[in-house]
Full PDB file with SEQRES, HELIX, SHEET, SSBOND, CRYST1, ORIGX, SCALE, CONECT and MASTER records, all heavy atoms in Angstrom:
SEQRES   1 A   32  ASP GLY SER ARG VAL GLU ALA ILE ALA VAL CYS HIS LEU          
SEQRES   2 A   32  ASP THR THR SER TRP ASN PRO GLN HIS VAL MET LEU GLN          
SEQRES   3 A   32  VAL LEU GLN VAL LYS PRO                                      
HELIX    1 AA1 VAL A   23  LEU A   28  1                                   6    
CRYST1    1.000    1.000    1.000  90.00  90.00  90.00 P 1           1          
ORIGX1      1.000000  0.000000  0.000000        0.00000                         
ORIGX2      0.000000  1.000000  0.000000        0.00000                         
ORIGX3      0.000000  0.000000  1.000000        0.00000                         
SCALE1      1.000000  0.000000  0.000000        0.00000                         
SCALE2      0.000000  1.000000  0.000000        0.00000                         
SCALE3      0.000000  0.000000  1.000000        0.00000                         
ATOM      1  N   ASP A   1      53.725   0.081  69.391  1.00  0.00           N  
ATOM      2  CA  ASP A   1      55.088   0.617  69.423  1.00  0.00           C  
ATOM      3  C   ASP A   1      55.361   1.472  70.658  1.00  0.00           C  
ATOM      4  O   ASP A   1      56.399   2.089  70.772  1.00  0.00           O  
ATOM      5  CB  ASP A   1      55.364   1.421  68.158  1.00  0.00           C  
ATOM      6  CG  ASP A   1      54.532   2.691  68.067  1.00  0.00           C  
ATOM      7  OD1 ASP A   1      53.659   2.910  68.951  1.00  0.00           O  
ATOM      8  OD2 ASP A   1      54.741   3.473  67.126  1.00  0.00           O  
ATOM      9  N   GLY A   2      54.397   1.535  71.589  1.00  0.00           N  
ATOM     10  CA  GLY A   2      54.565   2.317  72.811  1.00  0.00           C  
ATOM     11  C   GLY A   2      54.039   3.735  72.728  1.00  0.00           C  
ATOM     12  O   GLY A   2      54.018   4.448  73.737  1.00  0.00           O  
ATOM     13  N   SER A   3      53.626   4.173  71.539  1.00  0.00           N  
ATOM     14  CA  SER A   3      53.080   5.529  71.413  1.00  0.00           C  
ATOM     15  C   SER A   3      51.767   5.630  72.187  1.00  0.00           C  
ATOM     16  O   SER A   3      51.073   4.640  72.401  1.00  0.00           O  
ATOM     17  CB  SER A   3      52.866   5.887  69.939  1.00  0.00           C  
ATOM     18  OG  SER A   3      51.959   4.992  69.338  1.00  0.00           O  
ATOM     19  N   ARG A   4      51.457   6.830  72.639  1.00  0.00           N  
ATOM     20  CA  ARG A   4      50.265   7.048  73.450  1.00  0.00           C  
ATOM     21  C   ARG A   4      49.331   8.055  72.785  1.00  0.00           C  
ATOM     22  O   ARG A   4      49.782   8.981  72.129  1.00  0.00           O  
ATOM     23  CB  ARG A   4      50.645   7.548  74.834  1.00  0.00           C  
ATOM     24  CG  ARG A   4      51.474   6.525  75.591  1.00  0.00           C  
ATOM     25  CD  ARG A   4      51.577   6.862  77.066  1.00  0.00           C  
ATOM     26  NE  ARG A   4      52.315   5.846  77.771  1.00  0.00           N  
ATOM     27  CZ  ARG A   4      51.823   4.700  78.209  1.00  0.00           C  
ATOM     28  NH1 ARG A   4      50.562   4.417  78.006  1.00  0.00           N  
ATOM     29  NH2 ARG A   4      52.577   3.822  78.842  1.00  0.00           N  
ATOM     30  N   VAL A   5      48.036   7.836  72.993  1.00  0.00           N  
ATOM     31  CA  VAL A   5      47.009   8.725  72.459  1.00  0.00           C  
ATOM     32  C   VAL A   5      45.993   8.995  73.557  1.00  0.00           C  
ATOM     33  O   VAL A   5      45.547   8.070  74.231  1.00  0.00           O  
ATOM     34  CB  VAL A   5      46.295   8.093  71.238  1.00  0.00           C  
ATOM     35  CG1 VAL A   5      45.176   8.993  70.747  1.00  0.00           C  
ATOM     36  CG2 VAL A   5      47.281   7.795  70.120  1.00  0.00           C  
ATOM     37  N   GLU A   6      45.685  10.268  73.764  1.00  0.00           N  
ATOM     38  CA  GLU A   6      44.587  10.665  74.641  1.00  0.00           C  
ATOM     39  C   GLU A   6      43.446  11.022  73.703  1.00  0.00           C  
ATOM     40  O   GLU A   6      43.524  12.012  72.978  1.00  0.00           O  
ATOM     41  CB  GLU A   6      44.983  11.845  75.528  1.00  0.00           C  
ATOM     42  CG  GLU A   6      46.102  11.525  76.499  1.00  0.00           C  
ATOM     43  CD  GLU A   6      45.754  10.385  77.447  1.00  0.00           C  
ATOM     44  OE1 GLU A   6      44.590  10.305  77.896  1.00  0.00           O  
ATOM     45  OE2 GLU A   6      46.643   9.567  77.739  1.00  0.00           O  
ATOM     46  N   ALA A   7      42.409  10.205  73.691  1.00  0.00           N  
ATOM     47  CA  ALA A   7      41.372  10.325  72.686  1.00  0.00           C  
ATOM     48  C   ALA A   7      40.010  10.637  73.296  1.00  0.00           C  
ATOM     49  O   ALA A   7      39.778  10.432  74.488  1.00  0.00           O  
ATOM     50  CB  ALA A   7      41.282   9.025  71.887  1.00  0.00           C  
ATOM     51  N   ILE A   8      39.122  11.107  72.441  1.00  0.00           N  
ATOM     52  CA  ILE A   8      37.721  11.294  72.782  1.00  0.00           C  
ATOM     53  C   ILE A   8      36.947  10.206  72.044  1.00  0.00           C  
ATOM     54  O   ILE A   8      37.069  10.070  70.827  1.00  0.00           O  
ATOM     55  CB  ILE A   8      37.209  12.683  72.335  1.00  0.00           C  
ATOM     56  CG1 ILE A   8      38.062  13.804  72.910  1.00  0.00           C  
ATOM     57  CG2 ILE A   8      35.732  12.839  72.693  1.00  0.00           C  
ATOM     58  CD1 ILE A   8      38.090  13.872  74.408  1.00  0.00           C  
ATOM     59  N   ALA A   9      36.176   9.429  72.788  1.00  0.00           N  
ATOM     60  CA  ALA A   9      35.315   8.414  72.188  1.00  0.00           C  
ATOM     61  C   ALA A   9      33.869   8.840  72.340  1.00  0.00           C  
ATOM     62  O   ALA A   9      33.477   9.406  73.360  1.00  0.00           O  
ATOM     63  CB  ALA A   9      35.539   7.060  72.853  1.00  0.00           C  
ATOM     64  N   VAL A  10      33.078   8.576  71.317  1.00  0.00           N  
ATOM     65  CA  VAL A  10      31.655   8.896  71.327  1.00  0.00           C  
ATOM     66  C   VAL A  10      30.886   7.605  71.080  1.00  0.00           C  
ATOM     67  O   VAL A  10      31.212   6.842  70.173  1.00  0.00           O  
ATOM     68  CB  VAL A  10      31.316   9.928  70.234  1.00  0.00           C  
ATOM     69  CG1 VAL A  10      29.825  10.191  70.178  1.00  0.00           C  
ATOM     70  CG2 VAL A  10      32.074  11.214  70.467  1.00  0.00           C  
ATOM     71  N   CYS A  11      29.880   7.362  71.915  1.00  0.00           N  
ATOM     72  CA  CYS A  11      29.017   6.191  71.752  1.00  0.00           C  
ATOM     73  C   CYS A  11      27.608   6.676  71.432  1.00  0.00           C  
ATOM     74  O   CYS A  11      26.995   7.394  72.216  1.00  0.00           O  
ATOM     75  CB  CYS A  11      29.003   5.344  73.024  1.00  0.00           C  
ATOM     76  SG  CYS A  11      30.597   4.598  73.381  1.00  0.00           S  
ATOM     77  N   HIS A  12      27.114   6.289  70.264  1.00  0.00           N  
ATOM     78  CA  HIS A  12      25.763   6.642  69.830  1.00  0.00           C  
ATOM     79  C   HIS A  12      24.801   5.597  70.380  1.00  0.00           C  
ATOM     80  O   HIS A  12      24.976   4.399  70.148  1.00  0.00           O  
ATOM     81  CB  HIS A  12      25.706   6.699  68.304  1.00  0.00           C  
ATOM     82  CG  HIS A  12      26.645   7.707  67.734  1.00  0.00           C  
ATOM     83  ND1 HIS A  12      26.282   9.018  67.516  1.00  0.00           N  
ATOM     84  CD2 HIS A  12      27.951   7.608  67.357  1.00  0.00           C  
ATOM     85  CE1 HIS A  12      27.315   9.673  67.021  1.00  0.00           C  
ATOM     86  NE2 HIS A  12      28.336   8.847  66.914  1.00  0.00           N  
ATOM     87  N   LEU A  13      23.795   6.051  71.122  1.00  0.00           N  
ATOM     88  CA  LEU A  13      22.909   5.147  71.843  1.00  0.00           C  
ATOM     89  C   LEU A  13      21.692   4.697  71.041  1.00  0.00           C  
ATOM     90  O   LEU A  13      21.042   3.718  71.418  1.00  0.00           O  
ATOM     91  CB  LEU A  13      22.451   5.806  73.145  1.00  0.00           C  
ATOM     92  CG  LEU A  13      23.590   6.278  74.055  1.00  0.00           C  
ATOM     93  CD1 LEU A  13      23.023   6.961  75.278  1.00  0.00           C  
ATOM     94  CD2 LEU A  13      24.491   5.124  74.437  1.00  0.00           C  
ATOM     95  N   ASP A  14      21.369   5.400  69.961  1.00  0.00           N  
ATOM     96  CA  ASP A  14      20.198   5.040  69.164  1.00  0.00           C  
ATOM     97  C   ASP A  14      20.513   5.254  67.693  1.00  0.00           C  
ATOM     98  O   ASP A  14      20.626   6.386  67.232  1.00  0.00           O  
ATOM     99  CB  ASP A  14      18.994   5.889  69.579  1.00  0.00           C  
ATOM    100  CG  ASP A  14      17.735   5.536  68.831  1.00  0.00           C  
ATOM    101  OD1 ASP A  14      17.742   4.589  68.006  1.00  0.00           O  
ATOM    102  OD2 ASP A  14      16.717   6.211  69.050  1.00  0.00           O  
ATOM    103  N   THR A  15      20.636   4.171  66.944  1.00  0.00           N  
ATOM    104  CA  THR A  15      20.964   4.254  65.523  1.00  0.00           C  
ATOM    105  C   THR A  15      19.771   3.884  64.633  1.00  0.00           C  
ATOM    106  O   THR A  15      19.939   3.695  63.435  1.00  0.00           O  
ATOM    107  CB  THR A  15      22.150   3.330  65.190  1.00  0.00           C  
ATOM    108  OG1 THR A  15      21.776   1.978  65.489  1.00  0.00           O  
ATOM    109  CG2 THR A  15      23.398   3.711  65.967  1.00  0.00           C  
ATOM    110  N   THR A  16      18.593   3.789  65.212  1.00  0.00           N  
ATOM    111  CA  THR A  16      17.430   3.323  64.442  1.00  0.00           C  
ATOM    112  C   THR A  16      17.107   4.218  63.250  1.00  0.00           C  
ATOM    113  O   THR A  16      16.602   3.735  62.241  1.00  0.00           O  
ATOM    114  CB  THR A  16      16.178   3.190  65.332  1.00  0.00           C  
ATOM    115  OG1 THR A  16      15.946   4.439  65.989  1.00  0.00           O  
ATOM    116  CG2 THR A  16      16.335   2.098  66.366  1.00  0.00           C  
ATOM    117  N   SER A  17      17.406   5.514  63.330  1.00  0.00           N  
ATOM    118  CA  SER A  17      17.097   6.421  62.222  1.00  0.00           C  
ATOM    119  C   SER A  17      18.267   6.609  61.254  1.00  0.00           C  
ATOM    120  O   SER A  17      18.162   7.378  60.302  1.00  0.00           O  
ATOM    121  CB  SER A  17      16.659   7.785  62.763  1.00  0.00           C  
ATOM    122  OG  SER A  17      17.732   8.397  63.452  1.00  0.00           O  
ATOM    123  N   TRP A  18      19.382   5.921  61.479  1.00  0.00           N  
ATOM    124  CA  TRP A  18      20.552   6.074  60.612  1.00  0.00           C  
ATOM    125  C   TRP A  18      20.311   5.451  59.246  1.00  0.00           C  
ATOM    126  O   TRP A  18      19.609   4.441  59.113  1.00  0.00           O  
ATOM    127  CB  TRP A  18      21.772   5.421  61.235  1.00  0.00           C  
ATOM    128  CG  TRP A  18      22.370   6.171  62.385  1.00  0.00           C  
ATOM    129  CD1 TRP A  18      21.779   7.117  63.164  1.00  0.00           C  
ATOM    130  CD2 TRP A  18      23.678   6.004  62.902  1.00  0.00           C  
ATOM    131  NE1 TRP A  18      22.637   7.542  64.141  1.00  0.00           N  
ATOM    132  CE2 TRP A  18      23.818   6.874  64.001  1.00  0.00           C  
ATOM    133  CE3 TRP A  18      24.741   5.198  62.562  1.00  0.00           C  
ATOM    134  CZ2 TRP A  18      24.984   6.969  64.746  1.00  0.00           C  
ATOM    135  CZ3 TRP A  18      25.907   5.281  63.299  1.00  0.00           C  
ATOM    136  CH2 TRP A  18      26.021   6.170  64.376  1.00  0.00           C  
ATOM    137  N   ASN A  19      20.952   6.003  58.240  1.00  0.00           N  
ATOM    138  CA  ASN A  19      20.948   5.435  56.900  1.00  0.00           C  
ATOM    139  C   ASN A  19      21.690   4.094  56.953  1.00  0.00           C  
ATOM    140  O   ASN A  19      22.795   4.017  57.490  1.00  0.00           O  
ATOM    141  CB  ASN A  19      21.671   6.394  55.943  1.00  0.00           C  
ATOM    142  CG  ASN A  19      21.691   5.919  54.522  1.00  0.00           C  
ATOM    143  OD1 ASN A  19      21.764   4.729  54.232  1.00  0.00           O  
ATOM    144  ND2 ASN A  19      21.643   6.871  53.617  1.00  0.00           N  
ATOM    145  N   PRO A  20      21.106   3.026  56.392  1.00  0.00           N  
ATOM    146  CA  PRO A  20      21.780   1.725  56.406  1.00  0.00           C  
ATOM    147  C   PRO A  20      23.156   1.746  55.731  1.00  0.00           C  
ATOM    148  O   PRO A  20      23.986   0.875  55.990  1.00  0.00           O  
ATOM    149  CB  PRO A  20      20.824   0.810  55.635  1.00  0.00           C  
ATOM    150  CG  PRO A  20      19.507   1.484  55.718  1.00  0.00           C  
ATOM    151  CD  PRO A  20      19.790   2.966  55.791  1.00  0.00           C  
ATOM    152  N   GLN A  21      23.414   2.762  54.903  1.00  0.00           N  
ATOM    153  CA  GLN A  21      24.703   2.877  54.219  1.00  0.00           C  
ATOM    154  C   GLN A  21      25.732   3.682  55.022  1.00  0.00           C  
ATOM    155  O   GLN A  21      26.834   3.924  54.531  1.00  0.00           O  
ATOM    156  CB  GLN A  21      24.510   3.511  52.839  1.00  0.00           C  
ATOM    157  CG  GLN A  21      23.581   2.726  51.930  1.00  0.00           C  
ATOM    158  CD  GLN A  21      24.028   1.296  51.735  1.00  0.00           C  
ATOM    159  OE1 GLN A  21      25.191   1.031  51.462  1.00  0.00           O  
ATOM    160  NE2 GLN A  21      23.102   0.360  51.892  1.00  0.00           N  
ATOM    161  N   HIS A  22      25.375   4.103  56.230  1.00  0.00           N  
ATOM    162  CA  HIS A  22      26.316   4.862  57.069  1.00  0.00           C  
ATOM    163  C   HIS A  22      27.592   4.047  57.226  1.00  0.00           C  
ATOM    164  O   HIS A  22      27.552   2.838  57.465  1.00  0.00           O  
ATOM    165  CB  HIS A  22      25.690   5.141  58.440  1.00  0.00           C  
ATOM    166  CG  HIS A  22      26.468   6.115  59.258  1.00  0.00           C  
ATOM    167  ND1 HIS A  22      27.674   5.812  59.844  1.00  0.00           N  
ATOM    168  CD2 HIS A  22      26.212   7.410  59.586  1.00  0.00           C  
ATOM    169  CE1 HIS A  22      28.127   6.870  60.494  1.00  0.00           C  
ATOM    170  NE2 HIS A  22      27.245   7.846  60.360  1.00  0.00           N  
ATOM    171  N   VAL A  23      28.733   4.718  57.103  1.00  0.00           N  
ATOM    172  CA  VAL A  23      30.020   4.018  57.099  1.00  0.00           C  
ATOM    173  C   VAL A  23      30.242   3.186  58.365  1.00  0.00           C  
ATOM    174  O   VAL A  23      30.769   2.072  58.304  1.00  0.00           O  
ATOM    175  CB  VAL A  23      31.194   4.999  56.853  1.00  0.00           C  
ATOM    176  CG1 VAL A  23      31.370   5.957  58.016  1.00  0.00           C  
ATOM    177  CG2 VAL A  23      32.488   4.227  56.586  1.00  0.00           C  
ATOM    178  N   MET A  24      29.811   3.684  59.528  1.00  0.00           N  
ATOM    179  CA  MET A  24      30.027   2.896  60.759  1.00  0.00           C  
ATOM    180  C   MET A  24      29.211   1.613  60.752  1.00  0.00           C  
ATOM    181  O   MET A  24      29.691   0.573  61.197  1.00  0.00           O  
ATOM    182  CB  MET A  24      29.717   3.732  62.003  1.00  0.00           C  
ATOM    183  CG  MET A  24      30.822   4.710  62.311  1.00  0.00           C  
ATOM    184  SD  MET A  24      30.802   5.310  64.008  1.00  0.00           S  
ATOM    185  CE  MET A  24      29.300   6.227  64.060  1.00  0.00           C  
ATOM    186  N   LEU A  25      27.983   1.674  60.238  1.00  0.00           N  
ATOM    187  CA  LEU A  25      27.169   0.464  60.174  1.00  0.00           C  
ATOM    188  C   LEU A  25      27.739  -0.521  59.161  1.00  0.00           C  
ATOM    189  O   LEU A  25      27.707  -1.739  59.374  1.00  0.00           O  
ATOM    190  CB  LEU A  25      25.722   0.820  59.824  1.00  0.00           C  
ATOM    191  CG  LEU A  25      25.003   1.731  60.816  1.00  0.00           C  
ATOM    192  CD1 LEU A  25      23.606   2.063  60.309  1.00  0.00           C  
ATOM    193  CD2 LEU A  25      24.936   1.103  62.192  1.00  0.00           C  
ATOM    194  N   GLN A  26      28.292   0.007  58.074  1.00  0.00           N  
ATOM    195  CA  GLN A  26      28.896  -0.858  57.057  1.00  0.00           C  
ATOM    196  C   GLN A  26      30.142  -1.563  57.593  1.00  0.00           C  
ATOM    197  O   GLN A  26      30.321  -2.762  57.398  1.00  0.00           O  
ATOM    198  CB  GLN A  26      29.247  -0.043  55.801  1.00  0.00           C  
ATOM    199  CG  GLN A  26      28.047   0.522  55.083  1.00  0.00           C  
ATOM    200  CD  GLN A  26      27.180  -0.567  54.500  1.00  0.00           C  
ATOM    201  OE1 GLN A  26      27.648  -1.428  53.768  1.00  0.00           O  
ATOM    202  NE2 GLN A  26      25.897  -0.545  54.842  1.00  0.00           N  
ATOM    203  N   VAL A  27      30.985  -0.821  58.306  1.00  0.00           N  
ATOM    204  CA  VAL A  27      32.208  -1.415  58.874  1.00  0.00           C  
ATOM    205  C   VAL A  27      31.855  -2.505  59.879  1.00  0.00           C  
ATOM    206  O   VAL A  27      32.476  -3.569  59.908  1.00  0.00           O  
ATOM    207  CB  VAL A  27      33.081  -0.318  59.541  1.00  0.00           C  
ATOM    208  CG1 VAL A  27      34.173  -0.926  60.395  1.00  0.00           C  
ATOM    209  CG2 VAL A  27      33.678   0.591  58.481  1.00  0.00           C  
ATOM    210  N   LEU A  28      30.843  -2.246  60.706  1.00  0.00           N  
ATOM    211  CA  LEU A  28      30.423  -3.224  61.717  1.00  0.00           C  
ATOM    212  C   LEU A  28      29.542  -4.332  61.140  1.00  0.00           C  
ATOM    213  O   LEU A  28      29.263  -5.318  61.814  1.00  0.00           O  
ATOM    214  CB  LEU A  28      29.671  -2.509  62.842  1.00  0.00           C  
ATOM    215  CG  LEU A  28      30.494  -1.522  63.664  1.00  0.00           C  
ATOM    216  CD1 LEU A  28      29.588  -0.726  64.581  1.00  0.00           C  
ATOM    217  CD2 LEU A  28      31.574  -2.248  64.439  1.00  0.00           C  
ATOM    218  N   GLN A  29      29.108  -4.145  59.887  1.00  0.00           N  
ATOM    219  CA  GLN A  29      28.228  -5.100  59.213  1.00  0.00           C  
ATOM    220  C   GLN A  29      26.948  -5.345  60.015  1.00  0.00           C  
ATOM    221  O   GLN A  29      26.565  -6.482  60.277  1.00  0.00           O  
ATOM    222  CB  GLN A  29      28.964  -6.412  58.922  1.00  0.00           C  
ATOM    223  CG  GLN A  29      30.156  -6.219  58.025  1.00  0.00           C  
ATOM    224  CD  GLN A  29      30.930  -7.502  57.757  1.00  0.00           C  
ATOM    225  OE1 GLN A  29      30.602  -8.571  58.259  1.00  0.00           O  
ATOM    226  NE2 GLN A  29      31.960  -7.383  56.949  1.00  0.00           N  
ATOM    227  N   VAL A  30      26.305  -4.237  60.405  1.00  0.00           N  
ATOM    228  CA  VAL A  30      25.047  -4.304  61.161  1.00  0.00           C  
ATOM    229  C   VAL A  30      24.021  -3.382  60.518  1.00  0.00           C  
ATOM    230  O   VAL A  30      24.354  -2.528  59.704  1.00  0.00           O  
ATOM    231  CB  VAL A  30      25.245  -3.930  62.643  1.00  0.00           C  
ATOM    232  CG1 VAL A  30      26.186  -4.909  63.335  1.00  0.00           C  
ATOM    233  CG2 VAL A  30      25.752  -2.506  62.795  1.00  0.00           C  
ATOM    234  N   LYS A  31      22.776  -3.534  60.918  1.00  0.00           N  
ATOM    235  CA  LYS A  31      21.687  -2.700  60.433  1.00  0.00           C  
ATOM    236  C   LYS A  31      21.349  -1.657  61.494  1.00  0.00           C  
ATOM    237  O   LYS A  31      21.607  -1.866  62.682  1.00  0.00           O  
ATOM    238  CB  LYS A  31      20.470  -3.571  60.141  1.00  0.00           C  
ATOM    239  CG  LYS A  31      20.704  -4.525  59.008  1.00  0.00           C  
ATOM    240  CD  LYS A  31      19.497  -5.383  58.748  1.00  0.00           C  
ATOM    241  CE  LYS A  31      19.829  -6.342  57.606  1.00  0.00           C  
ATOM    242  NZ  LYS A  31      18.742  -7.259  57.324  1.00  0.00           N  
ATOM    243  N   PRO A  32      20.735  -0.540  61.071  1.00  0.00           N  
ATOM    244  CA  PRO A  32      20.354   0.488  62.038  1.00  0.00           C  
ATOM    245  C   PRO A  32      19.492  -0.089  63.167  1.00  0.00           C  
ATOM    246  O   PRO A  32      18.564  -0.854  62.913  1.00  0.00           O  
ATOM    247  CB  PRO A  32      19.537   1.486  61.205  1.00  0.00           C  
ATOM    248  CG  PRO A  32      20.023   1.291  59.806  1.00  0.00           C  
ATOM    249  CD  PRO A  32      20.355  -0.168  59.703  1.00  0.00           C  
TER     250      PRO A  32                                                      
MASTER        0    0    0    1    0    0    0    6  249    1    0    3          
END                                                                             
């Protein structure tokens, strides 16, 4: 709709120790 957002993005470089049920892993349908 033309609206603008100045956002902060964070990229996690190592997810090997994450809980497999972490919401981001579930949304992406991937494993730690």
